[in-house]
Amino acid sequence: VRYDFYREVSAKFGANKIALGHQANDNAESVLIHLLRGTGPRGLAGIPPVREGRIIRPLIDSTRADILKFLEKEGIEYVEDYSNLDPKYLRTRIRQELLPSLRDNFNPQLAWALNRLAIILREEEDFWSLQVENALGDLVLERTTQGLALSVSGLTGLHPALSRRVVRHAVLSLRGDLRRLSHDHVRAVLELAQGPSPSGERHLPHGVRVLR
């Protein structure tokens, strides 16, 4: 909803960029959230500095402490979102409890360490995206407005790391996003392709059907 609002406002005023205030601590929190949920490399890549070519995050390399110090020095007032202090949100608990504990007991530079991890994995994912596009192109037997037909033998012959990404990229090409598509969904598709039955069906979020 928030991003849709930003897009509406940018269209109204003819803006070609939307600058958001995410900073390095937000990125560290996001990496930990995804880690606790058992995400893959894409989740550990954290918050991208640029998204869709229009959404930019110019403060992503600055820490919260640096930003607050600057605001204080310049006498600039700011607003604190009340939800930042509400412990019912996982991000708030990570910010108030987990990150300080890890920083104080294990690594005083934890925020930078998690940001460095995100940068490395983001570069890895950029490389993988090129491999995945080529692999998917080789597997497509037919492409219509309704969907894709992929070679079962080609898909099952790929390395598991590549086959998972190909399934995700195929869904992305159909839907335009990967919201609610989990590791379990991807695994179900690959099990359908690899199983002994010559036919079957799986249902993915947002009405995507997979048929063998």
C-alpha atoms as a PDB file:
ATOM      1  CA  VAL A   1       0.000   0.000   0.000  1.00  0.00           C
ATOM      2  CA  ARG A   2       2.803   2.385   0.941  1.00  0.00           C
ATOM      3  CA  TYR A   3       4.718   1.796  -2.299  1.00  0.00           C
ATOM      4  CA  ASP A   4       1.544   2.153  -4.361  1.00  0.00           C
ATOM      5  CA  PHE A   5       1.000   5.538  -2.708  1.00  0.00           C
ATOM      6  CA  TYR A   6       4.562   6.613  -3.531  1.00  0.00           C
ATOM      7  CA  ARG A   7       4.047   5.619  -7.168  1.00  0.00           C
ATOM      8  CA  GLU A   8       0.789   7.587  -7.366  1.00  0.00           C
ATOM      9  CA  VAL A   9       2.449  10.707  -5.971  1.00  0.00           C
ATOM     10  CA  SER A  10       5.493  10.378  -8.241  1.00  0.00           C
ATOM     11  CA  ALA A  11       3.219  10.010 -11.274  1.00  0.00           C
ATOM     12  CA  LYS A  12       1.159  13.056 -10.209  1.00  0.00           C
ATOM     13  CA  PHE A  13       4.240  15.288  -9.994  1.00  0.00           C
ATOM     14  CA  GLY A  14       6.202  13.685 -12.832  1.00  0.00           C
ATOM     15  CA  ALA A  15       9.005  12.498 -10.525  1.00  0.00           C
ATOM     16  CA  ASN A  16      11.353   9.869 -11.946  1.00  0.00           C
ATOM     17  CA  LYS A  17      12.857   8.835  -8.575  1.00  0.00           C
ATOM     18  CA  ILE A  18      11.420   7.931  -5.171  1.00  0.00           C
ATOM     19  CA  ALA A  19      13.964   8.423  -2.362  1.00  0.00           C
ATOM     20  CA  LEU A  20      13.381   6.369   0.795  1.00  0.00           C
ATOM     21  CA  GLY A  21      15.090   6.691   4.170  1.00  0.00           C
ATOM     22  CA  HIS A  22      16.317   3.140   4.777  1.00  0.00           C
ATOM     23  CA  GLN A  23      19.748   3.121   6.429  1.00  0.00           C
ATOM     24  CA  ALA A  24      22.443   0.604   7.375  1.00  0.00           C
ATOM     25  CA  ASN A  25      20.778  -0.473  10.629  1.00  0.00           C
ATOM     26  CA  ASP A  26      17.520  -1.169   8.770  1.00  0.00           C
ATOM     27  CA  ASN A  27      19.486  -3.336   6.362  1.00  0.00           C
ATOM     28  CA  ALA A  28      21.162  -5.260   9.206  1.00  0.00           C
ATOM     29  CA  GLU A  29      17.746  -5.857  10.794  1.00  0.00           C
ATOM     30  CA  SER A  30      16.345  -7.117   7.485  1.00  0.00           C
ATOM     31  CA  VAL A  31      19.216  -9.576   7.047  1.00  0.00           C
ATOM     32  CA  LEU A  32      18.592 -10.986  10.547  1.00  0.00           C
ATOM     33  CA  ILE A  33      14.837 -11.204   9.954  1.00  0.00           C
ATOM     34  CA  HIS A  34      15.369 -13.201   6.763  1.00  0.00           C
ATOM     35  CA  LEU A  35      17.987 -15.369   8.454  1.00  0.00           C
ATOM     36  CA  LEU A  36      15.573 -16.254  11.276  1.00  0.00           C
ATOM     37  CA  ARG A  37      12.930 -17.178   8.701  1.00  0.00           C
ATOM     38  CA  GLY A  38      15.325 -19.524   6.886  1.00  0.00           C
ATOM     39  CA  THR A  39      15.519 -17.494   3.704  1.00  0.00           C
ATOM     40  CA  GLY A  40      17.758 -18.098   0.704  1.00  0.00           C
ATOM     41  CA  PRO A  41      20.564 -15.888  -0.649  1.00  0.00           C
ATOM     42  CA  ARG A  42      18.151 -13.344  -2.103  1.00  0.00           C
ATOM     43  CA  GLY A  43      16.730 -12.607   1.351  1.00  0.00           C
ATOM     44  CA  LEU A  44      20.194 -12.317   2.872  1.00  0.00           C
ATOM     45  CA  ALA A  45      21.065  -9.757   0.196  1.00  0.00           C
ATOM     46  CA  GLY A  46      19.057  -7.328   2.294  1.00  0.00           C
ATOM     47  CA  ILE A  47      17.552  -4.035   1.132  1.00  0.00           C
ATOM     48  CA  PRO A  48      18.742  -3.053  -2.374  1.00  0.00           C
ATOM     49  CA  PRO A  49      20.078   0.506  -2.820  1.00  0.00           C
ATOM     50  CA  VAL A  50      18.057   0.774  -6.053  1.00  0.00           C
ATOM     51  CA  ARG A  51      14.809  -1.015  -6.874  1.00  0.00           C
ATOM     52  CA  GLU A  52      12.930  -1.016 -10.173  1.00  0.00           C
ATOM     53  CA  GLY A  53      15.262   1.752 -11.363  1.00  0.00           C
ATOM     54  CA  ARG A  54      13.042   4.351  -9.638  1.00  0.00           C
ATOM     55  CA  ILE A  55      13.205   3.639  -5.918  1.00  0.00           C
ATOM     56  CA  ILE A  56      16.509   4.811  -4.446  1.00  0.00           C
ATOM     57  CA  ARG A  57      17.899   4.675  -0.906  1.00  0.00           C
ATOM     58  CA  PRO A  58      20.651   7.309  -0.605  1.00  0.00           C
ATOM     59  CA  LEU A  59      21.141   6.712   3.147  1.00  0.00           C
ATOM     60  CA  ILE A  60      21.604   2.937   2.971  1.00  0.00           C
ATOM     61  CA  ASP A  61      25.343   3.216   3.764  1.00  0.00           C
ATOM     62  CA  SER A  62      24.813   5.528   6.755  1.00  0.00           C
ATOM     63  CA  THR A  63      24.071   4.263  10.274  1.00  0.00           C
ATOM     64  CA  ARG A  64      21.188   5.482  12.392  1.00  0.00           C
ATOM     65  CA  ALA A  65      23.706   7.018  14.822  1.00  0.00           C
ATOM     66  CA  ASP A  66      25.373   8.991  12.015  1.00  0.00           C
ATOM     67  CA  ILE A  67      22.027  10.310  10.787  1.00  0.00           C
ATOM     68  CA  LEU A  68      20.871  11.344  14.273  1.00  0.00           C
ATOM     69  CA  LYS A  69      24.212  13.062  14.904  1.00  0.00           C
ATOM     70  CA  PHE A  70      23.823  15.026  11.665  1.00  0.00           C
ATOM     71  CA  LEU A  71      20.242  16.044  12.501  1.00  0.00           C
ATOM     72  CA  GLU A  72      21.292  17.210  15.945  1.00  0.00           C
ATOM     73  CA  LYS A  73      24.237  19.184  14.565  1.00  0.00           C
ATOM     74  CA  GLU A  74      22.056  20.921  11.974  1.00  0.00           C
ATOM     75  CA  GLY A  75      19.132  21.455  14.354  1.00  0.00           C
ATOM     76  CA  ILE A  76      16.735  19.494  12.138  1.00  0.00           C
ATOM     77  CA  GLU A  77      13.610  18.070  13.782  1.00  0.00           C
ATOM     78  CA  TYR A  78      12.395  14.592  12.892  1.00  0.00           C
ATOM     79  CA  VAL A  79       9.455  12.313  13.622  1.00  0.00           C
ATOM     80  CA  GLU A  80       9.775   8.905  15.287  1.00  0.00           C
ATOM     81  CA  ASP A  81       7.231   6.355  14.053  1.00  0.00           C
ATOM     82  CA  TYR A  82       5.512   4.954  17.153  1.00  0.00           C
ATOM     83  CA  SER A  83       5.667   1.434  15.674  1.00  0.00           C
ATOM     84  CA  ASN A  84       9.469   1.596  15.994  1.00  0.00           C
ATOM     85  CA  LEU A  85       8.971   1.158  19.742  1.00  0.00           C
ATOM     86  CA  ASP A  86       6.189  -1.456  19.688  1.00  0.00           C
ATOM     87  CA  PRO A  87       7.589  -4.882  20.717  1.00  0.00           C
ATOM     88  CA  LYS A  88       4.739  -6.754  19.013  1.00  0.00           C
ATOM     89  CA  TYR A  89       6.658  -6.276  15.749  1.00  0.00           C
ATOM     90  CA  LEU A  90       9.512  -8.687  15.057  1.00  0.00           C
ATOM     91  CA  ARG A  91      11.667  -5.906  13.617  1.00  0.00           C
ATOM     92  CA  THR A  92      11.274  -3.882  16.823  1.00  0.00           C
ATOM     93  CA  ARG A  93      12.336  -6.821  19.000  1.00  0.00           C
ATOM     94  CA  ILE A  94      15.348  -7.438  16.781  1.00  0.00           C
ATOM     95  CA  ARG A  95      16.265  -3.733  16.969  1.00  0.00           C
ATOM     96  CA  GLN A  96      15.817  -3.466  20.739  1.00  0.00           C
ATOM     97  CA  GLU A  97      16.948  -6.910  21.916  1.00  0.00           C
ATOM     98  CA  LEU A  98      18.746  -9.156  19.439  1.00  0.00           C
ATOM     99  CA  LEU A  99      20.999  -6.674  17.630  1.00  0.00           C
ATOM    100  CA  PRO A 100      22.259  -4.993  20.841  1.00  0.00           C
ATOM    101  CA  SER A 101      22.961  -8.401  22.417  1.00  0.00           C
ATOM    102  CA  LEU A 102      24.890  -9.656  19.390  1.00  0.00           C
ATOM    103  CA  ARG A 103      26.761  -6.371  19.100  1.00  0.00           C
ATOM    104  CA  ASP A 104      27.700  -6.197  22.803  1.00  0.00           C
ATOM    105  CA  ASN A 105      28.615  -9.870  23.226  1.00  0.00           C
ATOM    106  CA  PHE A 106      29.958 -10.972  19.856  1.00  0.00           C
ATOM    107  CA  ASN A 107      30.792  -8.230  17.360  1.00  0.00           C
ATOM    108  CA  PRO A 108      30.765  -4.464  18.056  1.00  0.00           C
ATOM    109  CA  GLN A 109      30.753  -3.894  14.275  1.00  0.00           C
ATOM    110  CA  LEU A 110      27.799  -6.205  13.685  1.00  0.00           C
ATOM    111  CA  ALA A 111      25.755  -3.760  11.599  1.00  0.00           C
ATOM    112  CA  TRP A 112      28.641  -3.308   9.164  1.00  0.00           C
ATOM    113  CA  ALA A 113      29.323  -7.065   9.098  1.00  0.00           C
ATOM    114  CA  LEU A 114      25.702  -7.794   8.144  1.00  0.00           C
ATOM    115  CA  ASN A 115      25.740  -5.024   5.538  1.00  0.00           C
ATOM    116  CA  ARG A 116      28.943  -6.457   4.055  1.00  0.00           C
ATOM    117  CA  LEU A 117      27.268  -9.884   3.864  1.00  0.00           C
ATOM    118  CA  ALA A 118      24.297  -8.311   2.082  1.00  0.00           C
ATOM    119  CA  ILE A 119      26.562  -6.588  -0.455  1.00  0.00           C
ATOM    120  CA  ILE A 120      28.421  -9.826  -1.233  1.00  0.00           C
ATOM    121  CA  LEU A 121      25.201 -11.787  -1.693  1.00  0.00           C
ATOM    122  CA  ARG A 122      23.639  -9.014  -3.775  1.00  0.00           C
ATOM    123  CA  GLU A 123      26.580  -9.242  -6.181  1.00  0.00           C
ATOM    124  CA  GLU A 124      26.264 -13.043  -6.194  1.00  0.00           C
ATOM    125  CA  GLU A 125      22.565 -12.757  -7.026  1.00  0.00           C
ATOM    126  CA  ASP A 126      23.304 -10.335  -9.873  1.00  0.00           C
ATOM    127  CA  PHE A 127      25.631 -12.961 -11.348  1.00  0.00           C
ATOM    128  CA  TRP A 128      23.081 -15.740 -10.823  1.00  0.00           C
ATOM    129  CA  SER A 129      20.315 -13.741 -12.500  1.00  0.00           C
ATOM    130  CA  LEU A 130      22.229 -13.850 -15.790  1.00  0.00           C
ATOM    131  CA  GLN A 131      22.783 -17.612 -15.488  1.00  0.00           C
ATOM    132  CA  VAL A 132      19.125 -18.185 -14.657  1.00  0.00           C
ATOM    133  CA  GLU A 133      17.825 -16.192 -17.610  1.00  0.00           C
ATOM    134  CA  ASN A 134      20.009 -18.209 -19.985  1.00  0.00           C
ATOM    135  CA  ALA A 135      19.020 -21.515 -18.377  1.00  0.00           C
ATOM    136  CA  LEU A 136      15.318 -20.691 -18.469  1.00  0.00           C
ATOM    137  CA  GLY A 137      15.589 -19.653 -22.118  1.00  0.00           C
ATOM    138  CA  ASP A 138      17.065 -23.054 -22.955  1.00  0.00           C
ATOM    139  CA  LEU A 139      14.185 -24.871 -21.200  1.00  0.00           C
ATOM    140  CA  VAL A 140      11.225 -22.995 -22.706  1.00  0.00           C
ATOM    141  CA  LEU A 141       9.352 -25.162 -25.206  1.00  0.00           C
ATOM    142  CA  GLU A 142       6.434 -22.762 -25.651  1.00  0.00           C
ATOM    143  CA  ARG A 143       5.532 -19.310 -24.355  1.00  0.00           C
ATOM    144  CA  THR A 144       1.980 -17.952 -24.529  1.00  0.00           C
ATOM    145  CA  THR A 145      -0.017 -15.215 -22.815  1.00  0.00           C
ATOM    146  CA  GLN A 146      -1.285 -17.888 -20.423  1.00  0.00           C
ATOM    147  CA  GLY A 147       2.001 -19.407 -19.347  1.00  0.00           C
ATOM    148  CA  LEU A 148       5.211 -21.265 -20.090  1.00  0.00           C
ATOM    149  CA  ALA A 149       5.911 -24.832 -21.140  1.00  0.00           C
ATOM    150  CA  LEU A 150       9.277 -26.088 -19.851  1.00  0.00           C
ATOM    151  CA  SER A 151      11.236 -29.245 -20.565  1.00  0.00           C
ATOM    152  CA  VAL A 152      10.932 -31.623 -17.601  1.00  0.00           C
ATOM    153  CA  SER A 153      14.140 -33.453 -18.452  1.00  0.00           C
ATOM    154  CA  GLY A 154      15.960 -30.158 -18.884  1.00  0.00           C
ATOM    155  CA  LEU A 155      14.719 -28.809 -15.549  1.00  0.00           C
ATOM    156  CA  THR A 156      15.509 -31.962 -13.585  1.00  0.00           C
ATOM    157  CA  GLY A 157      18.950 -32.160 -15.183  1.00  0.00           C
ATOM    158  CA  LEU A 158      20.048 -28.857 -13.681  1.00  0.00           C
ATOM    159  CA  HIS A 159      22.054 -28.466 -10.493  1.00  0.00           C
ATOM    160  CA  PRO A 160      19.604 -28.017  -7.555  1.00  0.00           C
ATOM    161  CA  ALA A 161      20.842 -24.466  -6.920  1.00  0.00           C
ATOM    162  CA  LEU A 162      20.058 -23.527 -10.516  1.00  0.00           C
ATOM    163  CA  SER A 163      16.780 -25.442 -10.803  1.00  0.00           C
ATOM    164  CA  ARG A 164      15.340 -23.626  -7.751  1.00  0.00           C
ATOM    165  CA  ARG A 165      16.222 -20.268  -9.274  1.00  0.00           C
ATOM    166  CA  VAL A 166      14.784 -21.262 -12.661  1.00  0.00           C
ATOM    167  CA  VAL A 167      11.423 -22.117 -11.065  1.00  0.00           C
ATOM    168  CA  ARG A 168      11.381 -18.788  -9.225  1.00  0.00           C
ATOM    169  CA  HIS A 169      12.323 -16.885 -12.379  1.00  0.00           C
ATOM    170  CA  ALA A 170       9.611 -18.667 -14.365  1.00  0.00           C
ATOM    171  CA  VAL A 171       7.015 -17.566 -11.800  1.00  0.00           C
ATOM    172  CA  LEU A 172       8.460 -14.046 -11.832  1.00  0.00           C
ATOM    173  CA  SER A 173       8.145 -13.862 -15.610  1.00  0.00           C
ATOM    174  CA  LEU A 174       4.450 -14.798 -15.333  1.00  0.00           C
ATOM    175  CA  ARG A 175       3.413 -12.721 -12.334  1.00  0.00           C
ATOM    176  CA  GLY A 176       5.897  -9.884 -12.178  1.00  0.00           C
ATOM    177  CA  ASP A 177       6.770 -10.514  -8.526  1.00  0.00           C
ATOM    178  CA  LEU A 178       7.531 -13.356  -6.095  1.00  0.00           C
ATOM    179  CA  ARG A 179       5.385 -12.340  -3.152  1.00  0.00           C
ATOM    180  CA  ARG A 180       4.280 -15.293  -1.002  1.00  0.00           C
ATOM    181  CA  LEU A 181       6.288 -17.768  -3.099  1.00  0.00           C
ATOM    182  CA  SER A 182       8.162 -19.802  -0.497  1.00  0.00           C
ATOM    183  CA  HIS A 183      10.909 -22.397  -0.594  1.00  0.00           C
ATOM    184  CA  ASP A 184       8.249 -25.060   0.009  1.00  0.00           C
ATOM    185  CA  HIS A 185       6.367 -23.970  -3.114  1.00  0.00           C
ATOM    186  CA  VAL A 186       9.508 -24.209  -5.231  1.00  0.00           C
ATOM    187  CA  ARG A 187      10.360 -27.592  -3.758  1.00  0.00           C
ATOM    188  CA  ALA A 188       6.836 -28.856  -4.543  1.00  0.00           C
ATOM    189  CA  VAL A 189       7.276 -27.884  -8.201  1.00  0.00           C
ATOM    190  CA  LEU A 190      10.617 -29.663  -8.453  1.00  0.00           C
ATOM    191  CA  GLU A 191       9.257 -32.768  -6.708  1.00  0.00           C
ATOM    192  CA  LEU A 192       6.435 -32.822  -9.263  1.00  0.00           C
ATOM    193  CA  ALA A 193       8.970 -32.668 -12.092  1.00  0.00           C
ATOM    194  CA  GLN A 194      11.273 -35.268 -10.557  1.00  0.00           C
ATOM    195  CA  GLY A 195       8.583 -37.707  -9.378  1.00  0.00           C
ATOM    196  CA  PRO A 196       7.684 -41.015 -11.045  1.00  0.00           C
ATOM    197  CA  SER A 197       4.173 -39.925 -12.024  1.00  0.00           C
ATOM    198  CA  PRO A 198       3.910 -38.642 -15.613  1.00  0.00           C
ATOM    199  CA  SER A 199       1.186 -36.170 -14.635  1.00  0.00           C
ATOM    200  CA  GLY A 200       0.188 -34.026 -11.728  1.00  0.00           C
ATOM    201  CA  GLU A 201      -0.667 -30.526 -10.589  1.00  0.00           C
ATOM    202  CA  ARG A 202       0.493 -28.028  -7.967  1.00  0.00           C
ATOM    203  CA  HIS A 203      -1.078 -24.719  -6.970  1.00  0.00           C
ATOM    204  CA  LEU A 204       1.101 -21.720  -6.180  1.00  0.00           C
ATOM    205  CA  PRO A 205       0.089 -18.352  -4.671  1.00  0.00           C
ATOM    206  CA  HIS A 206      -1.953 -15.862  -6.694  1.00  0.00           C
ATOM    207  CA  GLY A 207      -3.548 -18.473  -8.949  1.00  0.00           C
ATOM    208  CA  VAL A 208      -0.417 -19.859 -10.588  1.00  0.00           C
ATOM    209  CA  ARG A 209      -0.888 -23.512 -11.556  1.00  0.00           C
ATOM    210  CA  VAL A 210       1.879 -25.945 -12.416  1.00  0.00           C
ATOM    211  CA  LEU A 211       0.924 -28.929 -14.594  1.00  0.00           C
ATOM    212  CA  ARG A 212       2.996 -31.908 -15.632  1.00  0.00           C
END
